[in-house]
């Protein structure tokens, strides 16, 4: 009788471990990680194009700011859903989040520009 009981307990423990592993994998997909921050910052710098070359320090600061703003304002899953929407919808939802970073960036570019 004890071996039957031990068998059921062992099966239950294996099922619980399996569930915990699946939950951990799901959690990794829906929470922000350091690699996500690096990817967002890199994509931001790529999107800036020539400005990132002409104003590297200001562009780095802007991209770091915008990455932190996005990660603080949105859950990773919400961000992924947003990225599947049209560019106009993305802009509409991201603009309020990035506005302070963008204004600071524009001011920094203006102050750094050589208007000779």
PDB file of N, CA and C in Angstrom:
ATOM      1  N   UNK A   1       0.808  -1.190   0.000  1.00  0.00           N
ATOM      2  CA  UNK A   1       0.000   0.000   0.000  1.00  0.00           C
ATOM      3  C   UNK A   1       0.859   1.266   0.000  1.00  0.00           C
ATOM      4  N   UNK A   2       1.962   1.243   0.749  1.00  0.00           N
ATOM      5  CA  UNK A   2       2.819   2.429   0.752  1.00  0.00           C
ATOM      6  C   UNK A   2       3.442   2.668  -0.605  1.00  0.00           C
ATOM      7  N   UNK A   3       3.775   1.633  -1.326  1.00  0.00           N
ATOM      8  CA  UNK A   3       4.382   1.853  -2.631  1.00  0.00           C
ATOM      9  C   UNK A   3       3.376   2.489  -3.595  1.00  0.00           C
ATOM     10  N   UNK A   4       2.104   2.143  -3.464  1.00  0.00           N
ATOM     11  CA  UNK A   4       1.077   2.761  -4.296  1.00  0.00           C
ATOM     12  C   UNK A   4       0.952   4.250  -3.936  1.00  0.00           C
ATOM     13  N   UNK A   5       0.972   4.532  -2.646  1.00  0.00           N
ATOM     14  CA  UNK A   5       0.895   5.911  -2.167  1.00  0.00           C
ATOM     15  C   UNK A   5       2.112   6.706  -2.630  1.00  0.00           C
ATOM     16  N   UNK A   6       3.285   6.139  -2.538  1.00  0.00           N
ATOM     17  CA  UNK A   6       4.512   6.800  -2.974  1.00  0.00           C
ATOM     18  C   UNK A   6       4.482   7.060  -4.483  1.00  0.00           C
ATOM     19  N   UNK A   7       3.915   6.140  -5.207  1.00  0.00           N
ATOM     20  CA  UNK A   7       3.807   6.301  -6.661  1.00  0.00           C
ATOM     21  C   UNK A   7       2.948   7.514  -7.000  1.00  0.00           C
ATOM     22  N   UNK A   8       1.821   7.668  -6.308  1.00  0.00           N
ATOM     23  CA  UNK A   8       0.931   8.810  -6.562  1.00  0.00           C
ATOM     24  C   UNK A   8       1.580  10.131  -6.149  1.00  0.00           C
ATOM     25  N   UNK A   9       2.290  10.110  -5.046  1.00  0.00           N
ATOM     26  CA  UNK A   9       2.988  11.318  -4.594  1.00  0.00           C
ATOM     27  C   UNK A   9       4.084  11.695  -5.591  1.00  0.00           C
ATOM     28  N   UNK A  10       4.824  10.715  -6.077  1.00  0.00           N
ATOM     29  CA  UNK A  10       5.884  10.986  -7.056  1.00  0.00           C
ATOM     30  C   UNK A  10       5.306  11.556  -8.341  1.00  0.00           C
ATOM     31  N   UNK A  11       4.187  11.023  -8.797  1.00  0.00           N
ATOM     32  CA  UNK A  11       3.535  11.546 -10.010  1.00  0.00           C
ATOM     33  C   UNK A  11       3.064  12.976  -9.782  1.00  0.00           C
ATOM     34  N   UNK A  12       2.485  13.233  -8.612  1.00  0.00           N
ATOM     35  CA  UNK A  12       2.002  14.581  -8.295  1.00  0.00           C
ATOM     36  C   UNK A  12       3.163  15.573  -8.256  1.00  0.00           C
ATOM     37  N   UNK A  13       4.285  15.171  -7.668  1.00  0.00           N
ATOM     38  CA  UNK A  13       5.458  16.048  -7.603  1.00  0.00           C
ATOM     39  C   UNK A  13       5.987  16.334  -9.005  1.00  0.00           C
ATOM     40  N   UNK A  14       6.045  15.320  -9.860  1.00  0.00           N
ATOM     41  CA  UNK A  14       6.515  15.533 -11.231  1.00  0.00           C
ATOM     42  C   UNK A  14       5.574  16.468 -11.993  1.00  0.00           C
ATOM     43  N   UNK A  15       4.290  16.335 -11.788  1.00  0.00           N
ATOM     44  CA  UNK A  15       3.331  17.229 -12.446  1.00  0.00           C
ATOM     45  C   UNK A  15       3.528  18.657 -11.958  1.00  0.00           C
ATOM     46  N   UNK A  16       3.704  18.843 -10.657  1.00  0.00           N
ATOM     47  CA  UNK A  16       3.928  20.189 -10.114  1.00  0.00           C
ATOM     48  C   UNK A  16       5.216  20.808 -10.650  1.00  0.00           C
ATOM     49  N   UNK A  17       6.270  20.029 -10.730  1.00  0.00           N
ATOM     50  CA  UNK A  17       7.530  20.527 -11.287  1.00  0.00           C
ATOM     51  C   UNK A  17       7.332  20.927 -12.745  1.00  0.00           C
ATOM     52  N   UNK A  18       6.618  20.117 -13.497  1.00  0.00           N
ATOM     53  CA  UNK A  18       6.328  20.443 -14.891  1.00  0.00           C
ATOM     54  C   UNK A  18       5.554  21.744 -15.019  1.00  0.00           C
ATOM     55  N   UNK A  19       4.559  21.922 -14.167  1.00  0.00           N
ATOM     56  CA  UNK A  19       3.766  23.159 -14.183  1.00  0.00           C
ATOM     57  C   UNK A  19       4.646  24.358 -13.844  1.00  0.00           C
ATOM     58  N   UNK A  20       5.515  24.219 -12.839  1.00  0.00           N
ATOM     59  CA  UNK A  20       6.409  25.318 -12.468  1.00  0.00           C
ATOM     60  C   UNK A  20       7.359  25.689 -13.599  1.00  0.00           C
ATOM     61  N   UNK A  21       7.855  24.706 -14.317  1.00  0.00           N
ATOM     62  CA  UNK A  21       8.749  24.978 -15.449  1.00  0.00           C
ATOM     63  C   UNK A  21       8.001  25.727 -16.541  1.00  0.00           C
ATOM     64  N   UNK A  22       6.794  25.305 -16.846  1.00  0.00           N
ATOM     65  CA  UNK A  22       5.996  25.984 -17.866  1.00  0.00           C
ATOM     66  C   UNK A  22       5.690  27.414 -17.440  1.00  0.00           C
ATOM     67  N   UNK A  23       5.326  27.623 -16.187  1.00  0.00           N
ATOM     68  CA  UNK A  23       5.038  28.970 -15.698  1.00  0.00           C
ATOM     69  C   UNK A  23       6.269  29.872 -15.764  1.00  0.00           C
ATOM     70  N   UNK A  24       7.426  29.341 -15.462  1.00  0.00           N
ATOM     71  CA  UNK A  24       8.666  30.119 -15.541  1.00  0.00           C
ATOM     72  C   UNK A  24       8.970  30.524 -16.981  1.00  0.00           C
ATOM     73  N   UNK A  25       8.755  29.601 -17.916  1.00  0.00           N
ATOM     74  CA  UNK A  25       8.970  29.927 -19.332  1.00  0.00           C
ATOM     75  C   UNK A  25       8.007  31.008 -19.791  1.00  0.00           C
ATOM     76  N   UNK A  26       6.764  30.928 -19.364  1.00  0.00           N
ATOM     77  CA  UNK A  26       5.776  31.949 -19.729  1.00  0.00           C
ATOM     78  C   UNK A  26       6.158  33.283 -19.102  1.00  0.00           C
ATOM     79  N   UNK A  27       6.585  33.268 -17.854  1.00  0.00           N
ATOM     80  CA  UNK A  27       6.971  34.498 -17.166  1.00  0.00           C
ATOM     81  C   UNK A  27       8.132  35.188 -17.861  1.00  0.00           C
ATOM     82  N   UNK A  28       9.105  34.437 -18.368  1.00  0.00           N
ATOM     83  CA  UNK A  28      10.243  35.028 -19.077  1.00  0.00           C
ATOM     84  C   UNK A  28       9.790  35.733 -20.348  1.00  0.00           C
ATOM     85  N   UNK A  29       8.750  35.247 -20.985  1.00  0.00           N
ATOM     86  CA  UNK A  29       8.273  35.856 -22.220  1.00  0.00           C
ATOM     87  C   UNK A  29       7.492  37.135 -21.966  1.00  0.00           C
ATOM     88  N   UNK A  30       6.945  37.332 -20.751  1.00  0.00           N
ATOM     89  CA  UNK A  30       6.079  38.480 -20.528  1.00  0.00           C
ATOM     90  C   UNK A  30       6.668  39.522 -19.575  1.00  0.00           C
ATOM     91  N   UNK A  31       7.896  39.321 -19.111  1.00  0.00           N
ATOM     92  CA  UNK A  31       8.526  40.327 -18.258  1.00  0.00           C
ATOM     93  C   UNK A  31       9.755  40.891 -18.968  1.00  0.00           C
ATOM     94  N   UNK A  32      10.017  42.154 -18.715  1.00  0.00           N
ATOM     95  CA  UNK A  32      11.166  42.824 -19.329  1.00  0.00           C
ATOM     96  C   UNK A  32      12.456  42.259 -18.760  1.00  0.00           C
ATOM     97  N   UNK A  33      13.444  42.125 -19.612  1.00  0.00           N
ATOM     98  CA  UNK A  33      14.761  41.661 -19.201  1.00  0.00           C
ATOM     99  C   UNK A  33      15.806  42.633 -19.724  1.00  0.00           C
ATOM    100  N   UNK A  34      17.039  42.491 -19.258  1.00  0.00           N
ATOM    101  CA  UNK A  34      18.130  43.364 -19.700  1.00  0.00           C
ATOM    102  C   UNK A  34      18.330  43.284 -21.218  1.00  0.00           C
ATOM    103  N   UNK A  35      18.189  42.104 -21.763  1.00  0.00           N
ATOM    104  CA  UNK A  35      18.377  41.956 -23.209  1.00  0.00           C
ATOM    105  C   UNK A  35      17.303  42.722 -23.979  1.00  0.00           C
ATOM    106  N   UNK A  36      16.101  42.848 -23.386  1.00  0.00           N
ATOM    107  CA  UNK A  36      15.050  43.626 -24.026  1.00  0.00           C
ATOM    108  C   UNK A  36      15.420  45.105 -24.065  1.00  0.00           C
ATOM    109  N   UNK A  37      16.005  45.591 -22.990  1.00  0.00           N
ATOM    110  CA  UNK A  37      16.429  46.994 -22.947  1.00  0.00           C
ATOM    111  C   UNK A  37      17.498  47.250 -23.998  1.00  0.00           C
ATOM    112  N   UNK A  38      18.445  46.339 -24.123  1.00  0.00           N
ATOM    113  CA  UNK A  38      19.495  46.502 -25.130  1.00  0.00           C
ATOM    114  C   UNK A  38      18.906  46.469 -26.538  1.00  0.00           C
ATOM    115  N   UNK A  39      17.935  45.609 -26.775  1.00  0.00           N
ATOM    116  CA  UNK A  39      17.299  45.524 -28.099  1.00  0.00           C
ATOM    117  C   UNK A  39      16.521  46.791 -28.427  1.00  0.00           C
ATOM    118  N   UNK A  40      15.772  47.297 -27.441  1.00  0.00           N
ATOM    119  CA  UNK A  40      15.009  48.529 -27.670  1.00  0.00           C
ATOM    120  C   UNK A  40      15.936  49.706 -27.955  1.00  0.00           C
ATOM    121  N   UNK A  41      17.002  49.812 -27.187  1.00  0.00           N
ATOM    122  CA  UNK A  41      17.954  50.908 -27.381  1.00  0.00           C
ATOM    123  C   UNK A  41      18.626  50.806 -28.743  1.00  0.00           C
ATOM    124  N   UNK A  42      19.021  49.625 -29.125  1.00  0.00           N
ATOM    125  CA  UNK A  42      19.659  49.415 -30.424  1.00  0.00           C
ATOM    126  C   UNK A  42      18.708  49.753 -31.572  1.00  0.00           C
ATOM    127  N   UNK A  43      17.461  49.319 -31.460  1.00  0.00           N
ATOM    128  CA  UNK A  43      16.469  49.622 -32.497  1.00  0.00           C
ATOM    129  C   UNK A  43      16.218  51.123 -32.580  1.00  0.00           C
ATOM    130  N   UNK A  44      16.204  51.777 -31.431  1.00  0.00           N
ATOM    131  CA  UNK A  44      16.014  53.225 -31.401  1.00  0.00           C
ATOM    132  C   UNK A  44      17.149  53.929 -32.133  1.00  0.00           C
ATOM    133  N   UNK A  45      18.382  53.544 -31.854  1.00  0.00           N
ATOM    134  CA  UNK A  45      19.531  54.164 -32.519  1.00  0.00           C
ATOM    135  C   UNK A  45      19.500  53.907 -34.024  1.00  0.00           C
ATOM    136  N   UNK A  46      19.093  52.713 -34.421  1.00  0.00           N
ATOM    137  CA  UNK A  46      18.965  52.417 -35.851  1.00  0.00           C
ATOM    138  C   UNK A  46      17.911  53.304 -36.498  1.00  0.00           C
ATOM    139  N   UNK A  47      16.801  53.526 -35.792  1.00  0.00           N
ATOM    140  CA  UNK A  47      15.724  54.365 -36.321  1.00  0.00           C
ATOM    141  C   UNK A  47      16.150  55.826 -36.460  1.00  0.00           C
ATOM    142  N   UNK A  48      17.058  56.273 -35.605  1.00  0.00           N
ATOM    143  CA  UNK A  48      17.507  57.664 -35.678  1.00  0.00           C
ATOM    144  C   UNK A  48      18.402  57.925 -36.883  1.00  0.00           C
ATOM    145  N   UNK A  49      19.015  56.883 -37.397  1.00  0.00           N
ATOM    146  CA  UNK A  49      19.822  57.010 -38.608  1.00  0.00           C
ATOM    147  C   UNK A  49      20.954  58.002 -38.468  1.00  0.00           C
ATOM    148  N   UNK A  50      20.960  59.008 -39.337  1.00  0.00           N
ATOM    149  CA  UNK A  50      22.032  59.989 -39.382  1.00  0.00           C
ATOM    150  C   UNK A  50      22.150  60.828 -38.123  1.00  0.00           C
ATOM    151  N   UNK A  51      21.044  61.040 -37.437  1.00  0.00           N
ATOM    152  CA  UNK A  51      21.110  61.810 -36.193  1.00  0.00           C
ATOM    153  C   UNK A  51      21.957  61.090 -35.147  1.00  0.00           C
ATOM    154  N   UNK A  52      21.897  59.767 -35.146  1.00  0.00           N
ATOM    155  CA  UNK A  52      22.687  58.993 -34.186  1.00  0.00           C
ATOM    156  C   UNK A  52      24.173  59.137 -34.465  1.00  0.00           C
ATOM    157  N   UNK A  53      24.531  59.376 -35.726  1.00  0.00           N
ATOM    158  CA  UNK A  53      25.935  59.568 -36.093  1.00  0.00           C
ATOM    159  C   UNK A  53      26.361  61.002 -35.803  1.00  0.00           C
ATOM    160  N   UNK A  54      25.509  61.936 -36.146  1.00  0.00           N
ATOM    161  CA  UNK A  54      25.841  63.350 -35.989  1.00  0.00           C
ATOM    162  C   UNK A  54      25.802  63.798 -34.522  1.00  0.00           C
ATOM    163  N   UNK A  55      24.884  63.234 -33.759  1.00  0.00           N
ATOM    164  CA  UNK A  55      24.735  63.591 -32.343  1.00  0.00           C
ATOM    165  C   UNK A  55      24.751  62.319 -31.491  1.00  0.00           C
ATOM    166  N   UNK A  56      25.897  61.660 -31.386  1.00  0.00           N
ATOM    167  CA  UNK A  56      25.931  60.342 -30.730  1.00  0.00           C
ATOM    168  C   UNK A  56      25.583  60.375 -29.242  1.00  0.00           C
ATOM    169  N   UNK A  57      26.108  61.323 -28.508  1.00  0.00           N
ATOM    170  CA  UNK A  57      25.842  61.379 -27.074  1.00  0.00           C
ATOM    171  C   UNK A  57      24.363  61.672 -26.807  1.00  0.00           C
ATOM    172  N   UNK A  58      23.820  62.651 -27.533  1.00  0.00           N
ATOM    173  CA  UNK A  58      22.421  63.013 -27.355  1.00  0.00           C
ATOM    174  C   UNK A  58      21.501  61.866 -27.773  1.00  0.00           C
ATOM    175  N   UNK A  59      21.884  61.172 -28.836  1.00  0.00           N
ATOM    176  CA  UNK A  59      21.075  60.045 -29.312  1.00  0.00           C
ATOM    177  C   UNK A  59      21.090  58.893 -28.317  1.00  0.00           C
ATOM    178  N   UNK A  60      22.253  58.620 -27.740  1.00  0.00           N
ATOM    179  CA  UNK A  60      22.333  57.570 -26.714  1.00  0.00           C
ATOM    180  C   UNK A  60      21.445  57.916 -25.522  1.00  0.00           C
ATOM    181  N   UNK A  61      21.506  59.161 -25.088  1.00  0.00           N
ATOM    182  CA  UNK A  61      20.688  59.587 -23.954  1.00  0.00           C
ATOM    183  C   UNK A  61      19.199  59.476 -24.283  1.00  0.00           C
ATOM    184  N   UNK A  62      18.826  59.895 -25.491  1.00  0.00           N
ATOM    185  CA  UNK A  62      17.423  59.808 -25.900  1.00  0.00           C
ATOM    186  C   UNK A  62      16.949  58.361 -25.938  1.00  0.00           C
ATOM    187  N   UNK A  63      17.746  57.492 -26.529  1.00  0.00           N
ATOM    188  CA  UNK A  63      17.342  56.094 -26.648  1.00  0.00           C
ATOM    189  C   UNK A  63      17.285  55.410 -25.283  1.00  0.00           C
ATOM    190  N   UNK A  64      18.209  55.735 -24.400  1.00  0.00           N
ATOM    191  CA  UNK A  64      18.142  55.198 -23.043  1.00  0.00           C
ATOM    192  C   UNK A  64      16.885  55.692 -22.328  1.00  0.00           C
ATOM    193  N   UNK A  65      16.598  56.974 -22.475  1.00  0.00           N
ATOM    194  CA  UNK A  65      15.411  57.560 -21.862  1.00  0.00           C
ATOM    195  C   UNK A  65      14.136  56.919 -22.411  1.00  0.00           C
ATOM    196  N   UNK A  66      14.050  56.795 -23.719  1.00  0.00           N
ATOM    197  CA  UNK A  66      12.837  56.232 -24.322  1.00  0.00           C
ATOM    198  C   UNK A  66      12.664  54.757 -23.961  1.00  0.00           C
ATOM    199  N   UNK A  67      13.768  54.028 -23.890  1.00  0.00           N
ATOM    200  CA  UNK A  67      13.696  52.621 -23.489  1.00  0.00           C
ATOM    201  C   UNK A  67      13.159  52.498 -22.068  1.00  0.00           C
ATOM    202  N   UNK A  68      13.694  53.297 -21.162  1.00  0.00           N
ATOM    203  CA  UNK A  68      13.214  53.249 -19.777  1.00  0.00           C
ATOM    204  C   UNK A  68      11.763  53.686 -19.672  1.00  0.00           C
ATOM    205  N   UNK A  69      11.374  54.696 -20.447  1.00  0.00           N
ATOM    206  CA  UNK A  69       9.990  55.168 -20.415  1.00  0.00           C
ATOM    207  C   UNK A  69       9.031  54.072 -20.890  1.00  0.00           C
ATOM    208  N   UNK A  70       9.392  53.391 -21.959  1.00  0.00           N
ATOM    209  CA  UNK A  70       8.554  52.309 -22.476  1.00  0.00           C
ATOM    210  C   UNK A  70       8.468  51.175 -21.462  1.00  0.00           C
ATOM    211  N   UNK A  71       9.608  50.779 -20.910  1.00  0.00           N
ATOM    212  CA  UNK A  71       9.616  49.665 -19.972  1.00  0.00           C
ATOM    213  C   UNK A  71       8.880  49.991 -18.677  1.00  0.00           C
ATOM    214  N   UNK A  72       8.872  51.263 -18.279  1.00  0.00           N
ATOM    215  CA  UNK A  72       8.152  51.666 -17.069  1.00  0.00           C
ATOM    216  C   UNK A  72       6.652  51.809 -17.322  1.00  0.00           C
ATOM    217  N   UNK A  73       6.281  52.226 -18.518  1.00  0.00           N
ATOM    218  CA  UNK A  73       4.876  52.508 -18.810  1.00  0.00           C
ATOM    219  C   UNK A  73       4.096  51.288 -19.298  1.00  0.00           C
ATOM    220  N   UNK A  74       4.774  50.361 -19.943  1.00  0.00           N
ATOM    221  CA  UNK A  74       4.075  49.232 -20.559  1.00  0.00           C
ATOM    222  C   UNK A  74       4.628  47.903 -20.069  1.00  0.00           C
ATOM    223  N   UNK A  75       3.747  46.952 -19.951  1.00  0.00           N
ATOM    224  CA  UNK A  75       4.177  45.576 -19.740  1.00  0.00           C
ATOM    225  C   UNK A  75       4.737  45.070 -21.063  1.00  0.00           C
ATOM    226  N   UNK A  76       5.618  44.096 -21.009  1.00  0.00           N
ATOM    227  CA  UNK A  76       6.218  43.562 -22.227  1.00  0.00           C
ATOM    228  C   UNK A  76       5.147  43.014 -23.172  1.00  0.00           C
ATOM    229  N   UNK A  77       4.161  42.333 -22.635  1.00  0.00           N
ATOM    230  CA  UNK A  77       3.103  41.771 -23.476  1.00  0.00           C
ATOM    231  C   UNK A  77       2.290  42.881 -24.151  1.00  0.00           C
ATOM    232  N   UNK A  78       2.030  43.984 -23.431  1.00  0.00           N
ATOM    233  CA  UNK A  78       1.310  45.114 -24.027  1.00  0.00           C
ATOM    234  C   UNK A  78       2.132  45.756 -25.143  1.00  0.00           C
ATOM    235  N   UNK A  79       3.446  45.842 -24.924  1.00  0.00           N
ATOM    236  CA  UNK A  79       4.326  46.401 -25.941  1.00  0.00           C
ATOM    237  C   UNK A  79       4.334  45.523 -27.195  1.00  0.00           C
ATOM    238  N   UNK A  80       4.363  44.215 -27.000  1.00  0.00           N
ATOM    239  CA  UNK A  80       4.353  43.298 -28.139  1.00  0.00           C
ATOM    240  C   UNK A  80       3.058  43.421 -28.932  1.00  0.00           C
ATOM    241  N   UNK A  81       1.943  43.587 -28.237  1.00  0.00           N
ATOM    242  CA  UNK A  81       0.662  43.791 -28.923  1.00  0.00           C
ATOM    243  C   UNK A  81       0.687  45.119 -29.677  1.00  0.00           C
ATOM    244  N   UNK A  82       1.231  46.148 -29.055  1.00  0.00           N
ATOM    245  CA  UNK A  82       1.324  47.461 -29.696  1.00  0.00           C
ATOM    246  C   UNK A  82       2.160  47.405 -30.967  1.00  0.00           C
ATOM    247  N   UNK A  83       3.258  46.660 -30.943  1.00  0.00           N
ATOM    248  CA  UNK A  83       4.122  46.561 -32.118  1.00  0.00           C
ATOM    249  C   UNK A  83       3.461  45.816 -33.277  1.00  0.00           C
ATOM    250  N   UNK A  84       2.399  45.098 -33.013  1.00  0.00           N
ATOM    251  CA  UNK A  84       1.689  44.406 -34.088  1.00  0.00           C
ATOM    252  C   UNK A  84       0.648  45.315 -34.750  1.00  0.00           C
ATOM    253  N   UNK A  85       0.444  46.501 -34.185  1.00  0.00           N
ATOM    254  CA  UNK A  85      -0.523  47.448 -34.738  1.00  0.00           C
ATOM    255  C   UNK A  85       0.128  48.297 -35.826  1.00  0.00           C
ATOM    256  N   UNK A  86      -0.676  49.115 -36.466  1.00  0.00           N
ATOM    257  CA  UNK A  86      -0.172  49.984 -37.534  1.00  0.00           C
ATOM    258  C   UNK A  86       0.743  51.060 -36.956  1.00  0.00           C
ATOM    259  N   UNK A  87       1.533  51.653 -37.822  1.00  0.00           N
ATOM    260  CA  UNK A  87       2.474  52.701 -37.394  1.00  0.00           C
ATOM    261  C   UNK A  87       1.734  53.878 -36.767  1.00  0.00           C
ATOM    262  N   UNK A  88       0.588  54.231 -37.315  1.00  0.00           N
ATOM    263  CA  UNK A  88      -0.185  55.356 -36.775  1.00  0.00           C
ATOM    264  C   UNK A  88      -0.682  55.048 -35.359  1.00  0.00           C
ATOM    265  N   UNK A  89      -1.127  53.827 -35.132  1.00  0.00           N
ATOM    266  CA  UNK A  89      -1.594  53.443 -33.802  1.00  0.00           C
ATOM    267  C   UNK A  89      -0.432  53.386 -32.811  1.00  0.00           C
ATOM    268  N   UNK A  90       0.711  52.900 -33.276  1.00  0.00           N
ATOM    269  CA  UNK A  90       1.901  52.873 -32.423  1.00  0.00           C
ATOM    270  C   UNK A  90       2.290  54.280 -32.013  1.00  0.00           C
ATOM    271  N   UNK A  91       2.312  55.173 -32.990  1.00  0.00           N
ATOM    272  CA  UNK A  91       2.687  56.561 -32.721  1.00  0.00           C
ATOM    273  C   UNK A  91       1.728  57.199 -31.727  1.00  0.00           C
ATOM    274  N   UNK A  92       0.441  56.943 -31.912  1.00  0.00           N
ATOM    275  CA  UNK A  92      -0.576  57.535 -31.037  1.00  0.00           C
ATOM    276  C   UNK A  92      -0.403  57.081 -29.584  1.00  0.00           C
ATOM    277  N   UNK A  93      -0.051  55.823 -29.390  1.00  0.00           N
ATOM    278  CA  UNK A  93       0.092  55.307 -28.033  1.00  0.00           C
ATOM    279  C   UNK A  93       1.457  55.603 -27.427  1.00  0.00           C
ATOM    280  N   UNK A  94       2.509  55.645 -28.266  1.00  0.00           N
ATOM    281  CA  UNK A  94       3.854  55.856 -27.736  1.00  0.00           C
ATOM    282  C   UNK A  94       4.202  57.325 -27.523  1.00  0.00           C
ATOM    283  N   UNK A  95       3.608  58.213 -28.295  1.00  0.00           N
ATOM    284  CA  UNK A  95       3.969  59.631 -28.206  1.00  0.00           C
ATOM    285  C   UNK A  95       3.827  60.194 -26.793  1.00  0.00           C
ATOM    286  N   UNK A  96       2.709  59.970 -26.110  1.00  0.00           N
ATOM    287  CA  UNK A  96       2.630  60.501 -24.737  1.00  0.00           C
ATOM    288  C   UNK A  96       3.697  59.925 -23.799  1.00  0.00           C
ATOM    289  N   UNK A  97       4.080  58.685 -24.035  1.00  0.00           N
ATOM    290  CA  UNK A  97       5.079  58.030 -23.197  1.00  0.00           C
ATOM    291  C   UNK A  97       6.467  58.611 -23.449  1.00  0.00           C
ATOM    292  N   UNK A  98       6.761  58.918 -24.718  1.00  0.00           N
ATOM    293  CA  UNK A  98       8.101  59.362 -25.109  1.00  0.00           C
ATOM    294  C   UNK A  98       8.254  60.874 -25.204  1.00  0.00           C
ATOM    295  N   UNK A  99       7.204  61.608 -24.966  1.00  0.00           N
ATOM    296  CA  UNK A  99       7.218  63.050 -25.210  1.00  0.00           C
ATOM    297  C   UNK A  99       8.322  63.788 -24.457  1.00  0.00           C
ATOM    298  N   UNK A 100       8.496  63.515 -23.183  1.00  0.00           N
ATOM    299  CA  UNK A 100       9.543  64.209 -22.416  1.00  0.00           C
ATOM    300  C   UNK A 100      10.931  63.875 -22.964  1.00  0.00           C
ATOM    301  N   UNK A 101      11.153  62.606 -23.280  1.00  0.00           N
ATOM    302  CA  UNK A 101      12.453  62.203 -23.840  1.00  0.00           C
ATOM    303  C   UNK A 101      12.687  62.899 -25.181  1.00  0.00           C
ATOM    304  N   UNK A 102      11.652  62.933 -26.007  1.00  0.00           N
ATOM    305  CA  UNK A 102      11.772  63.529 -27.339  1.00  0.00           C
ATOM    306  C   UNK A 102      12.054  65.028 -27.245  1.00  0.00           C
ATOM    307  N   UNK A 103      11.343  65.724 -26.363  1.00  0.00           N
ATOM    308  CA  UNK A 103      11.564  67.165 -26.214  1.00  0.00           C
ATOM    309  C   UNK A 103      12.979  67.456 -25.718  1.00  0.00           C
ATOM    310  N   UNK A 104      13.461  66.670 -24.787  1.00  0.00           N
ATOM    311  CA  UNK A 104      14.828  66.824 -24.285  1.00  0.00           C
ATOM    312  C   UNK A 104      15.838  66.573 -25.401  1.00  0.00           C
ATOM    313  N   UNK A 105      15.568  65.570 -26.227  1.00  0.00           N
ATOM    314  CA  UNK A 105      16.444  65.243 -27.348  1.00  0.00           C
ATOM    315  C   UNK A 105      16.483  66.384 -28.363  1.00  0.00           C
ATOM    316  N   UNK A 106      15.329  66.923 -28.698  1.00  0.00           N
ATOM    317  CA  UNK A 106      15.277  68.023 -29.652  1.00  0.00           C
ATOM    318  C   UNK A 106      16.024  69.252 -29.132  1.00  0.00           C
ATOM    319  N   UNK A 107      15.882  69.532 -27.854  1.00  0.00           N
ATOM    320  CA  UNK A 107      16.594  70.655 -27.260  1.00  0.00           C
ATOM    321  C   UNK A 107      18.108  70.407 -27.283  1.00  0.00           C
ATOM    322  N   UNK A 108      18.527  69.189 -26.975  1.00  0.00           N
ATOM    323  CA  UNK A 108      19.955  68.851 -26.985  1.00  0.00           C
ATOM    324  C   UNK A 108      20.537  68.969 -28.387  1.00  0.00           C
ATOM    325  N   UNK A 109      19.796  68.529 -29.384  1.00  0.00           N
ATOM    326  CA  UNK A 109      20.257  68.646 -30.773  1.00  0.00           C
ATOM    327  C   UNK A 109      20.370  70.115 -31.163  1.00  0.00           C
ATOM    328  N   UNK A 110      19.374  70.893 -30.799  1.00  0.00           N
ATOM    329  CA  UNK A 110      19.395  72.320 -31.117  1.00  0.00           C
ATOM    330  C   UNK A 110      20.602  72.995 -30.476  1.00  0.00           C
ATOM    331  N   UNK A 111      20.845  72.687 -29.203  1.00  0.00           N
ATOM    332  CA  UNK A 111      21.980  73.306 -28.494  1.00  0.00           C
ATOM    333  C   UNK A 111      23.321  72.860 -29.062  1.00  0.00           C
ATOM    334  N   UNK A 112      23.411  71.666 -29.602  1.00  0.00           N
ATOM    335  CA  UNK A 112      24.653  71.138 -30.144  1.00  0.00           C
ATOM    336  C   UNK A 112      24.891  71.562 -31.599  1.00  0.00           C
ATOM    337  N   UNK A 113      23.824  71.940 -32.280  1.00  0.00           N
ATOM    338  CA  UNK A 113      23.936  72.291 -33.699  1.00  0.00           C
ATOM    339  C   UNK A 113      24.801  73.518 -33.903  1.00  0.00           C
ATOM    340  N   UNK A 114      25.568  73.474 -34.950  1.00  0.00           N
ATOM    341  CA  UNK A 114      26.404  74.617 -35.330  1.00  0.00           C
ATOM    342  C   UNK A 114      25.669  75.374 -36.426  1.00  0.00           C
ATOM    343  N   UNK A 115      25.095  76.506 -36.064  1.00  0.00           N
ATOM    344  CA  UNK A 115      24.329  77.291 -37.021  1.00  0.00           C
ATOM    345  C   UNK A 115      25.181  78.435 -37.551  1.00  0.00           C
ATOM    346  N   UNK A 116      26.200  78.099 -38.293  1.00  0.00           N
ATOM    347  CA  UNK A 116      27.104  79.122 -38.847  1.00  0.00           C
ATOM    348  C   UNK A 116      26.607  79.595 -40.168  1.00  0.00           C
TER     349      UNK A 116
END
